[in-house]
Every structure is written in C-alpha cells, then in structure tokens.
Amino acid sequence: MRRNIYDRLSERREREEPLERERLEEEVRNAEPPQPERFLTNELSFIRPENLKDKTFHVFTLTDIGPSPFSFVVGRSSVEPDADLETLAQQLLGELKKTLSHVQWIEPVAPVEVAGLEARRVEFRWRQQGQPVHQVQLIFLHQDEYMRPLLMQITGTSNSPKGMTAEERSAFDSLVESLQLRYLPANEGDAEQAESA
C-alpha cells in the first residue's frame, strides 16, 4: 500500500528535527563570545579592553577657576565580586577618620535607595586648610560593561562657611533623584528598572 505525501513529509520532518536541533546546539556552543557593551563617555563610546581599568571621576562645579562653592562628583572603583555594601561603608568611614582633619559626623551611615539600588548615605564636615568643608556621600554597588562589580560613590561638597546651604542640598538631592542606571545590576532583583542607554 502506498503512503500519501503527508505521511512521508511527516516522517521526514521527524528524522530531520533532531539533526537540526543538534546542529543548532553545536552552533551555539562554538559561537564567538559576544562583543562587550561599548564604554560610554559624554561625547563618545568605545570598546574598552577588559584589562584596562576605569578610574574616571565626573566632577561638576560652579566655577572654572579656584575652589567651587559647591561640587558634585561621581566616582567608581573596582571591588571584589563578593563585596558587601555595609562592609565597604564601614571601610570608607575608617578611611575618612584617618585622612580628614577634625571630622565631625552630621548624619551617621544610613541605608537609602539610589536608582532602585540599596545604598548607604553619610554626611559630615571637616576642615581643609582651616576652611570648613561639608560633604554628603552616597555609595552603592553596580557593575561595568564587563559585568564586573563596582563601588559607585556620589559626593556633594559645599565650601560654604555655614555648611551646605538649602539651595546646594536641593541641587544635590535633585541630581541624585534623577540618576538612572546604564547596565542592569548583577543581581537583577536589586533594581526594579534599569535603563539601557
């Protein structure tokens, strides 16, 4: 008895599907690793070699020359994959106590949220060359384009003799509230929504 064309097509598909699936799996195994995300700066982007460390700071001031009455700084530094935010915050406090003259704590380290991520905030003042300096620092964990962990540090600094003014504090708070992440955090549950720019 002769089989119809649909039976033959069905049998052929059943024979070829496992072969095609195996071919696709092999193709995935042998595929080149994906190109890393581009490193983004304000004016350009490039593919950064994995061993080239990013030690950039973004510094925003009100003046071109001399000390600015207020500045906003974004810094980043590499940390170990198992780094703990609370431990890093305590290490930062220890470094501040050692390096700053006459440091006074205005607000102790406190948990806050920055761009949907867990963060720590501390506020303090000290004297630099006899002049008062008032600073608010925020730190949180994030990652670079190679998915390596980073400690992000956001700092607002006031050189006003009476401490950070209401206007400066408002500017700092609005800058922090407007922050958006470029890369998803390593633990995607840490941020509800991360922007991919």
Foldseek 3Di string as FASTA:
>chain_A
DDDDPVVVVVVVCVVCVVVVVVVVVVCVVPDDPDQFDWDDDPPDTHRDPPPDDDFDKDKDADDDDDDGQKIKIKTKDFDQPPDDQVVVLVVVVVVCVVPFAPKDWPADWDWDAFQLAIKIKTWIWGADPNFIKTKIKIWGWFADRVLGIMIMIIMMMGRDRVYQDPVSVVVSVVVRRPDAAQDQGPPNVSGPDGHND
